[in-house]
């Protein structure tokens, strides 16, 4: 098996409605980002939990979202999380990412905020 085959074999299959037409970036989000985030979930939570440390997590949903957005503005945390996601791209996915990195990074941030708000 080559690297791409190994990476793809690790990913959890996520049931996605493929009947509607989606943008390339949306398809990338659903077919690549979501499975990687699910696979890396425990490590993502561990990294963010270390950053949160003893701070109290707000209980109101909007306040929790804002709190997490502030945590993810820390450049070290942001780059660490981004690196552990991008590292699990196949060569083809990385080529797509290079062409759309700003939009994909924004989607990654949005997915992280939602995922963390649901679990913290």
N, C-alpha and C. Protein backbone atom coordinates (compact mmCIF):
# COMPACT_ATOMS: atom_id res chain seq x y z
N UNK A 1 0.84 -1.19 0.00
CA UNK A 1 0.00 0.00 0.00
C UNK A 1 0.88 1.25 0.00
N UNK A 2 0.48 2.24 -0.78
CA UNK A 2 1.22 3.50 -0.72
C UNK A 2 0.59 4.41 0.34
N UNK A 3 1.22 5.54 0.57
CA UNK A 3 0.79 6.46 1.62
C UNK A 3 -0.67 6.86 1.47
N UNK A 4 -1.10 7.24 0.28
CA UNK A 4 -2.48 7.68 0.05
C UNK A 4 -3.48 6.58 0.40
N UNK A 5 -3.18 5.35 0.04
CA UNK A 5 -4.09 4.23 0.34
C UNK A 5 -4.18 4.00 1.85
N UNK A 6 -3.06 4.12 2.53
CA UNK A 6 -3.06 3.96 3.99
C UNK A 6 -3.89 5.05 4.64
N UNK A 7 -3.67 6.28 4.24
CA UNK A 7 -4.43 7.40 4.81
C UNK A 7 -5.92 7.20 4.58
N UNK A 8 -6.30 6.86 3.38
CA UNK A 8 -7.73 6.67 3.08
C UNK A 8 -8.32 5.51 3.87
N UNK A 9 -7.53 4.48 4.13
CA UNK A 9 -8.04 3.33 4.87
C UNK A 9 -8.30 3.67 6.34
N UNK A 10 -7.65 4.69 6.87
CA UNK A 10 -7.84 5.08 8.26
C UNK A 10 -9.13 5.87 8.47
N UNK A 11 -9.60 6.50 7.45
CA UNK A 11 -10.73 7.42 7.59
C UNK A 11 -12.04 6.69 7.87
N UNK A 12 -12.78 7.27 8.77
CA UNK A 12 -14.11 6.77 9.07
C UNK A 12 -15.04 7.20 7.96
N UNK A 13 -15.88 6.28 7.52
CA UNK A 13 -16.86 6.63 6.50
C UNK A 13 -17.98 7.43 7.15
N UNK A 14 -18.31 8.55 6.55
CA UNK A 14 -19.40 9.38 7.04
C UNK A 14 -20.47 9.42 5.96
N UNK A 15 -21.68 9.08 6.35
CA UNK A 15 -22.81 9.08 5.40
C UNK A 15 -23.15 10.52 5.01
N UNK A 16 -23.07 10.81 3.74
CA UNK A 16 -23.31 12.16 3.23
C UNK A 16 -24.30 12.08 2.08
N UNK A 17 -25.20 13.04 2.04
CA UNK A 17 -26.19 13.11 0.96
C UNK A 17 -25.48 13.63 -0.29
N UNK A 18 -25.20 12.75 -1.22
CA UNK A 18 -24.52 13.14 -2.46
C UNK A 18 -25.48 13.43 -3.60
N UNK A 19 -26.77 13.49 -3.30
CA UNK A 19 -27.75 13.73 -4.36
C UNK A 19 -27.79 15.19 -4.78
N UNK A 20 -27.47 16.08 -3.89
CA UNK A 20 -27.48 17.48 -4.29
C UNK A 20 -26.12 17.90 -4.82
N UNK A 21 -26.16 18.84 -5.71
CA UNK A 21 -24.92 19.34 -6.33
C UNK A 21 -24.23 20.26 -5.33
N UNK A 22 -22.95 20.02 -5.11
CA UNK A 22 -22.22 20.86 -4.17
C UNK A 22 -20.99 21.45 -4.85
N UNK A 23 -20.51 22.52 -4.25
CA UNK A 23 -19.28 23.14 -4.71
C UNK A 23 -18.12 22.20 -4.44
N UNK A 24 -17.03 22.38 -5.18
CA UNK A 24 -15.84 21.56 -4.96
C UNK A 24 -15.36 21.66 -3.51
N UNK A 25 -15.41 22.87 -2.96
CA UNK A 25 -14.95 23.07 -1.59
C UNK A 25 -15.88 22.39 -0.59
N UNK A 26 -17.17 22.39 -0.87
CA UNK A 26 -18.11 21.70 0.02
C UNK A 26 -17.90 20.19 -0.06
N UNK A 27 -17.68 19.68 -1.25
CA UNK A 27 -17.39 18.26 -1.41
C UNK A 27 -16.11 17.89 -0.68
N UNK A 28 -15.10 18.75 -0.77
CA UNK A 28 -13.83 18.53 -0.06
C UNK A 28 -14.07 18.50 1.45
N UNK A 29 -14.89 19.42 1.91
CA UNK A 29 -15.23 19.47 3.33
C UNK A 29 -15.88 18.16 3.78
N UNK A 30 -16.84 17.69 3.02
CA UNK A 30 -17.59 16.50 3.41
C UNK A 30 -16.81 15.20 3.22
N UNK A 31 -16.04 15.12 2.17
CA UNK A 31 -15.34 13.87 1.85
C UNK A 31 -13.95 13.77 2.46
N UNK A 32 -13.36 14.90 2.80
CA UNK A 32 -12.00 14.90 3.32
C UNK A 32 -11.93 15.44 4.75
N UNK A 33 -12.39 16.67 4.94
CA UNK A 33 -12.22 17.31 6.24
C UNK A 33 -12.99 16.62 7.36
N UNK A 34 -14.26 16.34 7.13
CA UNK A 34 -15.07 15.72 8.19
C UNK A 34 -14.50 14.38 8.65
N UNK A 35 -14.13 13.48 7.74
CA UNK A 35 -13.53 12.22 8.20
C UNK A 35 -12.21 12.42 8.95
N UNK A 36 -11.39 13.36 8.51
CA UNK A 36 -10.12 13.60 9.20
C UNK A 36 -10.38 14.15 10.59
N UNK A 37 -11.31 15.11 10.71
CA UNK A 37 -11.61 15.67 12.03
C UNK A 37 -12.18 14.60 12.96
N UNK A 38 -12.98 13.72 12.43
CA UNK A 38 -13.52 12.64 13.25
C UNK A 38 -12.39 11.71 13.71
N UNK A 39 -11.50 11.38 12.80
CA UNK A 39 -10.36 10.52 13.12
C UNK A 39 -9.46 11.16 14.18
N UNK A 40 -9.24 12.46 14.10
CA UNK A 40 -8.33 13.18 14.99
C UNK A 40 -9.02 13.74 16.23
N UNK A 41 -10.29 13.44 16.43
CA UNK A 41 -11.10 14.06 17.47
C UNK A 41 -10.45 14.04 18.86
N UNK A 42 -9.96 12.90 19.30
CA UNK A 42 -9.40 12.80 20.65
C UNK A 42 -8.20 13.72 20.83
N UNK A 43 -7.36 13.80 19.81
CA UNK A 43 -6.17 14.66 19.89
C UNK A 43 -6.57 16.13 19.84
N UNK A 44 -7.54 16.47 19.00
CA UNK A 44 -8.04 17.84 18.94
C UNK A 44 -8.54 18.27 20.32
N UNK A 45 -9.35 17.42 20.94
CA UNK A 45 -9.88 17.73 22.28
C UNK A 45 -8.75 17.87 23.30
N UNK A 46 -7.75 17.01 23.22
CA UNK A 46 -6.63 17.07 24.17
C UNK A 46 -5.85 18.38 24.02
N UNK A 47 -5.58 18.77 22.79
CA UNK A 47 -4.84 20.02 22.54
C UNK A 47 -5.61 21.22 23.06
N UNK A 48 -6.89 21.28 22.77
CA UNK A 48 -7.70 22.42 23.20
C UNK A 48 -7.90 22.40 24.71
N UNK A 49 -8.05 21.23 25.30
CA UNK A 49 -8.22 21.13 26.75
C UNK A 49 -7.00 21.66 27.48
N UNK A 50 -5.81 21.39 26.96
CA UNK A 50 -4.59 21.92 27.57
C UNK A 50 -4.61 23.45 27.51
N UNK A 51 -5.05 24.00 26.40
CA UNK A 51 -5.10 25.45 26.24
C UNK A 51 -6.15 26.06 27.17
N UNK A 52 -7.27 25.41 27.32
CA UNK A 52 -8.35 25.92 28.19
C UNK A 52 -7.90 25.89 29.64
N UNK A 53 -7.19 24.82 30.02
CA UNK A 53 -6.64 24.65 31.35
C UNK A 53 -7.74 24.78 32.41
N UNK A 54 -7.65 25.75 33.29
CA UNK A 54 -8.61 25.89 34.40
C UNK A 54 -9.71 26.91 34.11
N UNK A 55 -9.74 27.43 32.91
CA UNK A 55 -10.77 28.43 32.60
C UNK A 55 -12.14 27.77 32.56
N UNK A 56 -13.14 28.53 32.96
CA UNK A 56 -14.50 28.03 32.93
C UNK A 56 -15.07 28.18 31.53
N UNK A 57 -15.62 27.09 31.02
CA UNK A 57 -16.24 27.11 29.70
C UNK A 57 -17.66 27.61 29.85
N UNK A 58 -18.03 28.65 29.10
CA UNK A 58 -19.40 29.17 29.21
C UNK A 58 -20.44 28.10 28.90
N UNK A 59 -21.59 28.23 29.52
CA UNK A 59 -22.64 27.24 29.29
C UNK A 59 -23.58 27.64 28.15
N UNK A 60 -23.75 28.94 27.93
CA UNK A 60 -24.60 29.39 26.83
C UNK A 60 -23.90 29.12 25.51
N UNK A 61 -24.64 28.61 24.55
CA UNK A 61 -24.05 28.15 23.28
C UNK A 61 -23.27 29.26 22.56
N UNK A 62 -23.84 30.45 22.42
CA UNK A 62 -23.16 31.52 21.71
C UNK A 62 -21.89 31.95 22.43
N UNK A 63 -21.95 32.01 23.75
CA UNK A 63 -20.77 32.37 24.53
C UNK A 63 -19.69 31.28 24.40
N UNK A 64 -20.12 30.04 24.36
CA UNK A 64 -19.18 28.92 24.18
C UNK A 64 -18.51 29.01 22.81
N UNK A 65 -19.29 29.31 21.77
CA UNK A 65 -18.72 29.47 20.42
C UNK A 65 -17.69 30.59 20.40
N UNK A 66 -18.03 31.72 21.01
CA UNK A 66 -17.09 32.85 21.07
C UNK A 66 -15.83 32.49 21.84
N UNK A 67 -15.99 31.78 22.94
CA UNK A 67 -14.87 31.33 23.76
C UNK A 67 -13.92 30.45 22.94
N UNK A 68 -14.48 29.51 22.21
CA UNK A 68 -13.67 28.60 21.39
C UNK A 68 -12.98 29.35 20.26
N UNK A 69 -13.69 30.29 19.64
CA UNK A 69 -13.08 31.10 18.58
C UNK A 69 -11.86 31.85 19.10
N UNK A 70 -11.95 32.35 20.32
CA UNK A 70 -10.82 33.06 20.92
C UNK A 70 -9.66 32.10 21.15
N UNK A 71 -9.96 30.90 21.65
CA UNK A 71 -8.92 29.89 21.87
C UNK A 71 -8.21 29.59 20.54
N UNK A 72 -8.99 29.45 19.47
CA UNK A 72 -8.42 29.08 18.17
C UNK A 72 -7.71 30.24 17.48
N UNK A 73 -7.81 31.45 18.04
CA UNK A 73 -7.06 32.57 17.49
C UNK A 73 -5.59 32.53 17.91
N UNK A 74 -5.29 31.72 18.93
CA UNK A 74 -3.92 31.53 19.34
C UNK A 74 -3.19 30.87 18.17
N UNK A 75 -2.22 31.56 17.62
CA UNK A 75 -1.56 31.09 16.39
C UNK A 75 -0.89 29.72 16.57
N UNK A 76 -0.33 29.46 17.74
CA UNK A 76 0.31 28.17 17.97
C UNK A 76 -0.71 27.05 17.92
N UNK A 77 -1.83 27.22 18.61
CA UNK A 77 -2.89 26.21 18.63
C UNK A 77 -3.46 26.04 17.22
N UNK A 78 -3.74 27.16 16.57
CA UNK A 78 -4.32 27.13 15.23
C UNK A 78 -3.41 26.38 14.26
N UNK A 79 -2.13 26.68 14.27
CA UNK A 79 -1.19 26.03 13.36
C UNK A 79 -0.99 24.55 13.69
N UNK A 80 -1.00 24.22 14.98
CA UNK A 80 -0.87 22.82 15.39
C UNK A 80 -2.06 22.00 14.88
N UNK A 81 -3.27 22.53 15.07
CA UNK A 81 -4.47 21.82 14.62
C UNK A 81 -4.52 21.73 13.10
N UNK A 82 -4.20 22.83 12.44
CA UNK A 82 -4.19 22.83 10.98
C UNK A 82 -3.17 21.83 10.44
N UNK A 83 -1.99 21.77 11.05
CA UNK A 83 -0.96 20.85 10.61
C UNK A 83 -1.37 19.40 10.76
N UNK A 84 -2.04 19.07 11.86
CA UNK A 84 -2.42 17.67 12.06
C UNK A 84 -3.57 17.25 11.15
N UNK A 85 -4.28 18.21 10.59
CA UNK A 85 -5.33 17.91 9.62
C UNK A 85 -4.72 17.79 8.22
N UNK A 86 -3.94 18.78 7.83
CA UNK A 86 -3.33 18.80 6.50
C UNK A 86 -2.39 17.61 6.32
N UNK A 87 -1.75 17.17 7.39
CA UNK A 87 -0.82 16.04 7.31
C UNK A 87 -1.52 14.75 6.86
N UNK A 88 -2.83 14.69 7.01
CA UNK A 88 -3.57 13.49 6.62
C UNK A 88 -4.27 13.62 5.27
N UNK A 89 -3.88 14.62 4.48
CA UNK A 89 -4.38 14.74 3.12
C UNK A 89 -3.60 13.79 2.21
N UNK A 90 -4.28 13.29 1.20
CA UNK A 90 -3.59 12.56 0.15
C UNK A 90 -2.87 13.58 -0.74
N UNK A 91 -2.06 13.10 -1.67
CA UNK A 91 -1.38 14.02 -2.59
C UNK A 91 -2.38 14.83 -3.40
N UNK A 92 -3.43 14.18 -3.88
CA UNK A 92 -4.46 14.86 -4.67
C UNK A 92 -5.20 15.90 -3.81
N UNK A 93 -5.53 15.54 -2.59
CA UNK A 93 -6.22 16.47 -1.70
C UNK A 93 -5.32 17.67 -1.37
N UNK A 94 -4.03 17.40 -1.18
CA UNK A 94 -3.12 18.49 -0.88
C UNK A 94 -2.99 19.44 -2.08
N UNK A 95 -3.00 18.91 -3.27
CA UNK A 95 -2.95 19.75 -4.48
C UNK A 95 -4.18 20.66 -4.53
N UNK A 96 -5.35 20.10 -4.23
CA UNK A 96 -6.57 20.89 -4.19
C UNK A 96 -6.48 21.95 -3.09
N UNK A 97 -5.98 21.54 -1.94
CA UNK A 97 -5.83 22.45 -0.80
C UNK A 97 -4.94 23.64 -1.15
N UNK A 98 -3.82 23.39 -1.82
CA UNK A 98 -2.91 24.48 -2.19
C UNK A 98 -3.61 25.53 -3.05
N UNK A 99 -4.53 25.10 -3.90
CA UNK A 99 -5.26 26.04 -4.76
C UNK A 99 -6.35 26.81 -4.03
N UNK A 100 -6.82 26.26 -2.91
CA UNK A 100 -7.97 26.84 -2.20
C UNK A 100 -7.69 26.98 -0.70
N UNK A 101 -6.45 27.20 -0.33
CA UNK A 101 -6.08 27.14 1.08
C UNK A 101 -6.84 28.12 1.97
N UNK A 102 -7.09 29.32 1.52
CA UNK A 102 -7.80 30.30 2.35
C UNK A 102 -9.22 29.82 2.65
N UNK A 103 -9.92 29.38 1.65
CA UNK A 103 -11.30 28.91 1.84
C UNK A 103 -11.34 27.63 2.66
N UNK A 104 -10.40 26.73 2.42
CA UNK A 104 -10.36 25.46 3.16
C UNK A 104 -10.00 25.72 4.62
N UNK A 105 -9.04 26.60 4.87
CA UNK A 105 -8.68 26.93 6.25
C UNK A 105 -9.88 27.51 7.01
N UNK A 106 -10.66 28.33 6.33
CA UNK A 106 -11.85 28.89 6.95
C UNK A 106 -12.85 27.78 7.29
N UNK A 107 -13.03 26.83 6.39
CA UNK A 107 -13.93 25.70 6.65
C UNK A 107 -13.41 24.85 7.81
N UNK A 108 -12.11 24.63 7.86
CA UNK A 108 -11.53 23.86 8.96
C UNK A 108 -11.82 24.56 10.28
N UNK A 109 -11.60 25.86 10.34
CA UNK A 109 -11.87 26.62 11.56
C UNK A 109 -13.33 26.52 11.98
N UNK A 110 -14.24 26.66 11.02
CA UNK A 110 -15.66 26.56 11.33
C UNK A 110 -16.03 25.17 11.85
N UNK A 111 -15.49 24.14 11.22
CA UNK A 111 -15.76 22.77 11.66
C UNK A 111 -15.19 22.52 13.06
N UNK A 112 -14.00 23.04 13.32
CA UNK A 112 -13.40 22.87 14.64
C UNK A 112 -14.23 23.56 15.72
N UNK A 113 -14.65 24.78 15.45
CA UNK A 113 -15.45 25.51 16.44
C UNK A 113 -16.73 24.74 16.75
N UNK A 114 -17.42 24.29 15.72
CA UNK A 114 -18.69 23.56 15.92
C UNK A 114 -18.43 22.25 16.68
N UNK A 115 -17.43 21.51 16.27
CA UNK A 115 -17.11 20.22 16.90
C UNK A 115 -16.74 20.42 18.37
N UNK A 116 -15.91 21.41 18.65
CA UNK A 116 -15.50 21.65 20.02
C UNK A 116 -16.66 22.15 20.88
N UNK A 117 -17.48 23.02 20.34
CA UNK A 117 -18.63 23.52 21.09
C UNK A 117 -19.59 22.39 21.45
N UNK A 118 -19.72 21.44 20.59
CA UNK A 118 -20.62 20.30 20.85
C UNK A 118 -20.06 19.34 21.91
N UNK A 119 -18.73 19.35 22.09
CA UNK A 119 -18.12 18.35 22.98
C UNK A 119 -17.57 18.90 24.28
N UNK A 120 -17.36 20.20 24.37
CA UNK A 120 -16.80 20.76 25.61
C UNK A 120 -17.91 21.16 26.56
